[in-house]
Amino acid sequence: MKNIRSQKIKTAINLINRYLLVVVVLFLLAIPFYVWAYIIENEDLGEPLNFTEQVASASATSGEYVELKVTEVPNVFAEYDSSKTSDKYYFVWSDNYLNVAFLDYDTYQKLNQEGIHDNPVTIRGITKTLPNDVIELAIDGYNKMVGEEFLTASNYQSYLSTLYIDTTADLNNSTIQVLFAVVLTVLALIFLTLFIVYRRKFKKVWKQYSEKEWNRISQELDSEDAKIYKKSRLYLTEHYIICLNHGLTVVDYQDLAWVYPYQLKQYGITTSRSIILWSKKKERYTVASLEGVTKSKAMIDEVIDFIVSKNPVVLVGFTDENRKSAKDLYQIR
């Protein structure tokens, strides 16, 4: 690459390189989450505890990995979704002990067998605390099952545990860790894409001018006579429009064919303004971009007036007449 003399251009390069730095930081932040997720997914839960024994000894707590030998066909008493294959709350028997389980459809199908009493099926899951509304449904469902108002809120814990077995729970659930890792990775890829795009844009412009021309551009850019618009990183020199926002744009005033202001609106409110430049070679540039700045219109008008002072024959404004002239004179469509 040619020798870069202008400190302003060097700063623009540094700003582009910061995107790559952000990429590295984001990837470094994502790696621990991937490692954490891997550890969780491959964690050995050990041997499951016997749920019946845990309840009987009053040592059962929420979040334990347990198993239960089911000896009767489950009886559903509560559901969030009436679909046949949805997860539901069931009464499940283990010999003479009644428990509550939240079963997925596949597990229910395995338990819904006529010969289950002689060939019990063991289910495994995580213990969780029953919500109050489910306890109320359990009381109502139990009383309907036995045909009398036997179970009440006051005696519930004498017959049933407030804990239940959830077979739908992911025993090695790393969803949160994976989510953070993926979000950080996606952000890193976005910044990497921006870095590549801006870097290519810079190199493309850089190749368009000789070292002698760049010396001239640098001198004008660093001259005290250059008009500077810091917020949009726009510089109007003696012979060039130079924009150092997101890359590098250099356009000779005499190469311009058509200029017009552009504004982006959302819900009827102007959110950003910029200037569109068309060169005689049918190249399109966007400069002087400002977002959410109320005074940007005055700045846009000032920049366009300065461009016209340097090139009085340039087409100004987005009108039907100028669109036709741009098409007829320069084949700009």
Protein backbone atom coordinates (compact mmCIF):
# COMPACT_ATOMS: atom_id res chain seq x y z
CA MET A 1 0.00 0.00 0.00
CA LYS A 2 1.15 3.53 -0.74
CA ASN A 3 2.56 5.56 2.10
CA ILE A 4 -0.21 7.13 4.16
CA ARG A 5 0.73 10.69 5.05
CA SER A 6 -2.52 12.06 6.44
CA GLN A 7 -3.18 11.49 10.13
CA LYS A 8 -6.93 11.70 9.43
CA ILE A 9 -6.72 8.77 7.00
CA LYS A 10 -4.63 6.82 9.50
CA THR A 11 -7.36 7.45 12.08
CA ALA A 12 -9.98 6.17 9.62
CA ILE A 13 -7.95 2.96 9.18
CA ASN A 14 -7.71 2.56 12.95
CA LEU A 15 -11.48 2.92 13.24
CA ILE A 16 -11.92 0.14 10.67
CA ASN A 17 -9.42 -2.06 12.53
CA ARG A 18 -11.42 -1.58 15.72
CA TYR A 19 -14.15 -3.70 14.17
CA LEU A 20 -11.66 -6.56 14.01
CA LEU A 21 -10.73 -5.94 17.64
CA VAL A 22 -14.41 -6.16 18.59
CA VAL A 23 -14.63 -9.44 16.67
CA VAL A 24 -11.73 -10.91 18.66
CA VAL A 25 -13.22 -9.75 21.97
CA LEU A 26 -16.65 -11.17 21.16
CA PHE A 27 -15.20 -14.53 20.13
CA LEU A 28 -13.12 -14.63 23.32
CA LEU A 29 -16.27 -13.94 25.34
CA ALA A 30 -18.20 -16.65 23.46
CA ILE A 31 -15.62 -19.41 24.02
CA PRO A 32 -16.21 -19.75 27.81
CA PHE A 33 -19.96 -20.11 27.21
CA TYR A 34 -19.34 -22.89 24.66
CA VAL A 35 -17.03 -24.62 27.12
CA TRP A 36 -19.57 -24.19 29.92
CA ALA A 37 -22.32 -25.65 27.73
CA TYR A 38 -20.09 -28.60 26.80
CA ILE A 39 -19.37 -29.31 30.48
CA ILE A 40 -23.09 -29.21 31.32
CA GLU A 41 -24.05 -31.44 28.38
CA ASN A 42 -21.45 -34.03 29.37
CA GLU A 43 -21.94 -33.83 33.12
CA ASP A 44 -22.48 -37.18 34.80
CA LEU A 45 -25.60 -36.93 36.96
CA GLY A 46 -24.69 -40.07 38.83
CA GLU A 47 -27.15 -42.68 40.02
CA PRO A 48 -30.74 -41.40 40.42
CA LEU A 49 -32.26 -41.33 43.91
CA ASN A 50 -35.32 -43.42 44.74
CA PHE A 51 -38.18 -40.90 44.81
CA THR A 52 -40.40 -43.02 47.05
CA GLU A 53 -37.64 -43.42 49.63
CA GLN A 54 -36.80 -39.72 49.48
CA VAL A 55 -40.43 -38.74 50.12
CA ALA A 56 -40.87 -41.34 52.85
CA SER A 57 -37.80 -40.09 54.70
CA ALA A 58 -38.86 -36.45 54.23
CA SER A 59 -35.49 -35.74 52.62
CA ALA A 60 -36.74 -35.01 49.10
CA THR A 61 -35.86 -31.57 47.73
CA SER A 62 -36.42 -29.75 44.48
CA GLY A 63 -33.84 -30.22 41.73
CA GLU A 64 -32.87 -33.83 42.52
CA TYR A 65 -32.29 -36.47 39.87
CA VAL A 66 -34.67 -39.29 40.83
CA GLU A 67 -36.33 -42.43 39.56
CA LEU A 68 -39.68 -44.03 40.27
CA LYS A 69 -40.93 -47.57 39.58
CA VAL A 70 -44.44 -47.15 38.11
CA THR A 71 -46.83 -50.09 38.64
CA GLU A 72 -50.14 -48.70 37.34
CA VAL A 73 -51.34 -46.84 34.25
CA PRO A 74 -51.06 -43.06 34.93
CA ASN A 75 -54.21 -40.98 35.37
CA VAL A 76 -54.14 -37.44 33.92
CA PHE A 77 -55.58 -34.66 36.07
CA ALA A 78 -54.14 -31.40 34.67
CA GLU A 79 -52.89 -30.07 31.34
CA TYR A 80 -51.84 -26.81 29.75
CA ASP A 81 -52.67 -28.01 26.26
CA SER A 82 -55.56 -30.31 25.35
CA SER A 83 -53.58 -31.87 22.51
CA LYS A 84 -53.28 -35.63 22.85
CA THR A 85 -49.49 -35.55 22.58
CA SER A 86 -48.88 -32.59 24.92
CA ASP A 87 -47.10 -32.83 28.27
CA LYS A 88 -49.54 -33.31 31.18
CA TYR A 89 -49.74 -33.83 34.93
CA TYR A 90 -50.56 -37.41 35.98
CA PHE A 91 -51.17 -39.42 39.11
CA VAL A 92 -48.67 -42.29 39.05
CA TRP A 93 -48.58 -45.30 41.39
CA SER A 94 -45.53 -47.07 42.67
CA ASP A 95 -46.98 -50.13 44.40
CA ASN A 96 -49.21 -48.54 47.09
CA TYR A 97 -47.65 -45.08 46.91
CA LEU A 98 -49.37 -42.32 44.90
CA ASN A 99 -47.22 -39.58 43.35
CA VAL A 100 -47.51 -36.78 40.81
CA ALA A 101 -45.48 -36.69 37.61
CA PHE A 102 -45.30 -34.34 34.64
CA LEU A 103 -44.94 -36.71 31.71
CA ASP A 104 -44.12 -36.23 28.06
CA TYR A 105 -46.29 -38.20 25.63
CA ASP A 106 -43.63 -40.80 24.80
CA THR A 107 -43.14 -41.61 28.49
CA TYR A 108 -46.88 -41.83 29.00
CA GLN A 109 -47.14 -44.28 26.09
CA LYS A 110 -44.55 -46.53 27.74
CA LEU A 111 -46.58 -46.52 30.96
CA ASN A 112 -49.97 -46.95 29.29
CA GLN A 113 -49.69 -50.76 29.16
CA GLU A 114 -52.16 -53.32 30.52
CA GLY A 115 -49.40 -55.51 31.95
CA ILE A 116 -47.51 -52.73 33.72
CA HIS A 117 -48.45 -54.12 37.17
CA ASP A 118 -46.55 -57.32 36.48
CA ASN A 119 -43.83 -55.54 34.49
CA PRO A 120 -43.24 -52.15 36.16
CA VAL A 121 -41.58 -49.36 34.16
CA THR A 122 -39.04 -47.05 35.80
CA ILE A 123 -39.17 -43.35 34.93
CA ARG A 124 -36.48 -40.80 35.65
CA GLY A 125 -36.60 -37.04 35.95
CA ILE A 126 -35.99 -33.97 38.05
CA THR A 127 -37.97 -33.14 41.18
CA LYS A 128 -39.83 -29.83 41.17
CA THR A 129 -42.25 -28.07 43.50
CA LEU A 130 -45.91 -28.24 42.50
CA PRO A 131 -47.48 -24.82 41.75
CA ASN A 132 -50.47 -23.98 43.97
CA ASP A 133 -52.92 -24.05 41.05
CA VAL A 134 -51.75 -27.58 40.12
CA ILE A 135 -52.17 -28.70 43.76
CA GLU A 136 -55.78 -27.49 43.61
CA LEU A 137 -56.30 -29.48 40.40
CA ALA A 138 -54.67 -32.51 42.03
CA ILE A 139 -57.08 -32.30 44.99
CA ASP A 140 -60.06 -31.99 42.67
CA GLY A 141 -58.79 -34.79 40.39
CA TYR A 142 -58.11 -37.15 43.28
CA ASN A 143 -61.55 -36.59 44.81
CA LYS A 144 -63.24 -37.27 41.47
CA MET A 145 -61.13 -40.42 41.09
CA VAL A 146 -62.15 -41.84 44.50
CA GLY A 147 -65.72 -40.50 44.32
CA GLU A 148 -65.71 -38.47 47.54
CA GLU A 149 -64.39 -35.20 48.99
CA PHE A 150 -61.51 -36.85 50.80
CA LEU A 151 -58.44 -34.79 49.92
CA THR A 152 -58.29 -31.14 51.01
CA ALA A 153 -55.70 -28.37 51.12
CA SER A 154 -55.20 -28.99 54.84
CA ASN A 155 -54.52 -32.73 54.60
CA TYR A 156 -52.86 -32.79 51.16
CA GLN A 157 -49.32 -33.21 52.46
CA SER A 158 -50.39 -36.15 54.60
CA TYR A 159 -51.10 -38.17 51.45
CA LEU A 160 -49.18 -36.57 48.59
CA SER A 161 -45.83 -34.82 48.27
CA THR A 162 -45.67 -31.21 47.14
CA LEU A 163 -42.85 -32.35 44.87
CA TYR A 164 -43.37 -34.02 41.51
CA ILE A 165 -41.20 -35.74 38.93
CA ASP A 166 -40.69 -33.86 35.67
CA THR A 167 -39.65 -36.22 32.87
CA THR A 168 -39.71 -33.40 30.29
CA ALA A 169 -36.85 -31.51 31.93
CA ASP A 170 -33.55 -31.51 30.09
CA LEU A 171 -31.28 -33.24 32.58
CA ASN A 172 -28.24 -31.56 31.07
CA ASN A 173 -29.80 -28.24 30.10
CA SER A 174 -27.28 -25.81 28.64
CA THR A 175 -29.81 -23.66 26.75
CA ILE A 176 -28.85 -20.38 28.43
CA GLN A 177 -25.13 -20.95 27.93
CA VAL A 178 -25.62 -21.89 24.27
CA LEU A 179 -27.89 -18.87 23.75
CA PHE A 180 -25.26 -16.45 25.09
CA ALA A 181 -22.56 -18.15 23.04
CA VAL A 182 -24.61 -17.99 19.83
CA VAL A 183 -25.58 -14.34 20.37
CA LEU A 184 -21.94 -13.37 20.91
CA THR A 185 -20.89 -15.39 17.86
CA VAL A 186 -23.54 -13.77 15.65
CA LEU A 187 -22.47 -10.31 16.82
CA ALA A 188 -18.86 -11.23 16.10
CA LEU A 189 -19.77 -12.35 12.56
CA ILE A 190 -21.69 -9.11 11.98
CA PHE A 191 -18.69 -7.01 13.02
CA LEU A 192 -16.41 -9.25 10.96
CA THR A 193 -18.61 -8.66 7.92
CA LEU A 194 -18.52 -4.90 8.53
CA PHE A 195 -14.74 -5.03 8.87
CA ILE A 196 -14.37 -6.90 5.56
CA VAL A 197 -16.79 -4.58 3.74
CA TYR A 198 -15.20 -1.37 5.01
CA ARG A 199 -11.69 -2.71 4.47
CA ARG A 200 -12.47 -3.65 0.85
CA LYS A 201 -14.10 -0.28 0.29
CA PHE A 202 -10.99 1.46 1.62
CA LYS A 203 -8.62 -0.60 -0.55
CA LYS A 204 -10.77 -0.06 -3.65
CA VAL A 205 -10.64 3.72 -3.23
CA TRP A 206 -6.96 3.63 -2.34
CA LYS A 207 -6.10 1.88 -5.64
CA GLN A 208 -7.91 4.51 -7.69
CA TYR A 209 -5.29 7.19 -7.09
CA SER A 210 -1.54 7.31 -7.58
CA GLU A 211 0.89 8.14 -4.80
CA LYS A 212 1.28 11.63 -6.25
CA GLU A 213 -2.49 12.12 -6.13
CA TRP A 214 -2.65 10.81 -2.56
CA ASN A 215 0.03 13.28 -1.53
CA ARG A 216 -2.16 16.04 -2.93
CA ILE A 217 -5.28 14.64 -1.27
CA SER A 218 -3.48 14.36 2.06
CA GLN A 219 -2.20 17.92 1.85
CA GLU A 220 -5.67 19.26 1.12
CA LEU A 221 -7.23 17.08 3.82
CA ASP A 222 -4.85 18.41 6.46
CA SER A 223 -5.07 21.99 5.20
CA GLU A 224 -6.63 24.63 7.44
CA ASP A 225 -8.80 25.70 4.51
CA ALA A 226 -10.66 22.36 4.44
CA LYS A 227 -14.26 22.53 5.64
CA ILE A 228 -14.77 19.93 8.36
CA TYR A 229 -17.99 18.27 9.54
CA LYS A 230 -16.85 16.15 12.45
CA LYS A 231 -20.10 14.34 13.25
CA SER A 232 -20.34 12.89 9.73
CA ARG A 233 -16.52 12.74 9.29
CA LEU A 234 -16.88 14.73 6.07
CA TYR A 235 -14.15 17.00 4.64
CA LEU A 236 -14.57 19.44 1.77
CA THR A 237 -11.16 20.37 0.40
CA GLU A 238 -10.11 22.51 -2.53
CA HIS A 239 -10.65 19.76 -5.10
CA TYR A 240 -12.22 16.80 -3.30
CA ILE A 241 -15.11 15.57 -1.21
CA ILE A 242 -13.59 13.22 1.35
CA CYS A 243 -15.63 11.08 3.72
CA LEU A 244 -13.90 8.97 6.37
CA ASN A 245 -17.03 7.45 7.85
CA HIS A 246 -17.04 3.62 7.58
CA GLY A 247 -14.17 3.40 5.16
CA LEU A 248 -12.91 5.93 2.65
CA THR A 249 -14.69 7.98 -0.02
CA VAL A 250 -12.82 10.45 -2.24
CA VAL A 251 -14.59 12.21 -5.11
CA ASP A 252 -13.30 15.03 -7.29
CA TYR A 253 -15.87 17.80 -7.61
CA GLN A 254 -15.38 17.81 -11.38
CA ASP A 255 -16.25 14.11 -11.61
CA LEU A 256 -19.72 14.69 -10.15
CA ALA A 257 -22.80 14.41 -12.34
CA TRP A 258 -25.69 14.58 -9.87
CA VAL A 259 -26.17 15.30 -6.16
CA TYR A 260 -29.28 15.27 -4.02
CA PRO A 261 -30.25 15.04 -0.35
CA TYR A 262 -31.71 11.81 0.97
CA GLN A 263 -33.71 11.33 4.15
CA LEU A 264 -34.94 8.17 5.83
CA LYS A 265 -38.28 8.30 7.61
CA GLN A 266 -39.90 5.94 10.07
CA TYR A 267 -43.53 6.47 11.06
CA GLY A 268 -43.41 9.86 9.42
CA ILE A 269 -40.38 11.01 11.43
CA THR A 270 -37.04 11.74 9.77
CA THR A 271 -34.46 9.50 11.45
CA SER A 272 -31.45 10.22 9.25
CA ARG A 273 -30.23 12.46 6.45
CA SER A 274 -27.41 12.09 3.95
CA ILE A 275 -26.24 13.20 0.52
CA ILE A 276 -26.19 10.96 -2.54
CA LEU A 277 -23.44 11.61 -5.06
CA TRP A 278 -23.44 10.21 -8.59
CA SER A 279 -20.24 10.44 -10.60
CA LYS A 280 -20.03 10.69 -14.38
CA LYS A 281 -18.79 7.08 -14.30
CA LYS A 282 -22.15 5.99 -12.78
CA GLU A 283 -20.64 5.40 -9.34
CA ARG A 284 -22.91 6.10 -6.38
CA TYR A 285 -21.66 7.43 -3.03
CA THR A 286 -23.40 8.25 0.24
CA VAL A 287 -21.80 10.96 2.37
CA ALA A 288 -22.67 13.34 5.21
CA SER A 289 -24.79 10.71 6.96
CA LEU A 290 -26.31 11.91 10.22
CA GLU A 291 -28.85 10.09 12.37
CA GLY A 292 -31.34 11.75 14.67
CA VAL A 293 -29.78 15.19 14.30
CA THR A 294 -32.34 17.99 14.01
CA LYS A 295 -29.86 20.47 12.54
CA SER A 296 -28.66 18.07 9.83
CA LYS A 297 -30.87 19.65 7.12
CA ALA A 298 -29.00 22.96 7.36
CA MET A 299 -25.70 21.11 7.17
CA ILE A 300 -26.86 19.09 4.14
CA ASP A 301 -27.91 22.26 2.34
CA GLU A 302 -24.58 23.91 3.17
CA VAL A 303 -22.58 20.98 1.81
CA ILE A 304 -24.59 20.87 -1.42
CA ASP A 305 -24.16 24.64 -1.91
CA PHE A 306 -20.40 24.24 -1.49
CA ILE A 307 -20.34 21.41 -4.05
CA VAL A 308 -22.26 23.56 -6.51
CA SER A 309 -19.77 26.40 -6.00
CA LYS A 310 -17.03 23.98 -7.07
CA ASN A 311 -19.02 22.44 -9.92
CA PRO A 312 -21.79 24.79 -11.14
CA VAL A 313 -23.01 22.38 -13.85
CA VAL A 314 -23.74 19.47 -11.50
CA LEU A 315 -27.37 18.34 -11.39
CA VAL A 316 -28.88 19.18 -8.00
CA GLY A 317 -32.00 17.65 -6.44
CA PHE A 318 -34.01 14.49 -6.94
CA THR A 319 -36.51 15.65 -9.55
CA ASP A 320 -38.04 14.03 -12.62
CA GLU A 321 -36.16 16.50 -14.80
CA ASN A 322 -32.81 15.65 -13.20
CA ARG A 323 -33.52 11.93 -13.34
CA LYS A 324 -34.11 12.25 -17.08
CA SER A 325 -31.00 14.40 -17.55
CA ALA A 326 -28.85 11.96 -15.54
CA LYS A 327 -30.11 9.12 -17.69
CA ASP A 328 -29.64 10.96 -21.02
CA LEU A 329 -26.26 12.52 -20.23
CA TYR A 330 -24.58 9.86 -18.09
CA GLN A 331 -26.77 6.73 -18.41
CA ILE A 332 -27.46 6.89 -14.68
CA ARG A 333 -30.64 4.97 -13.92
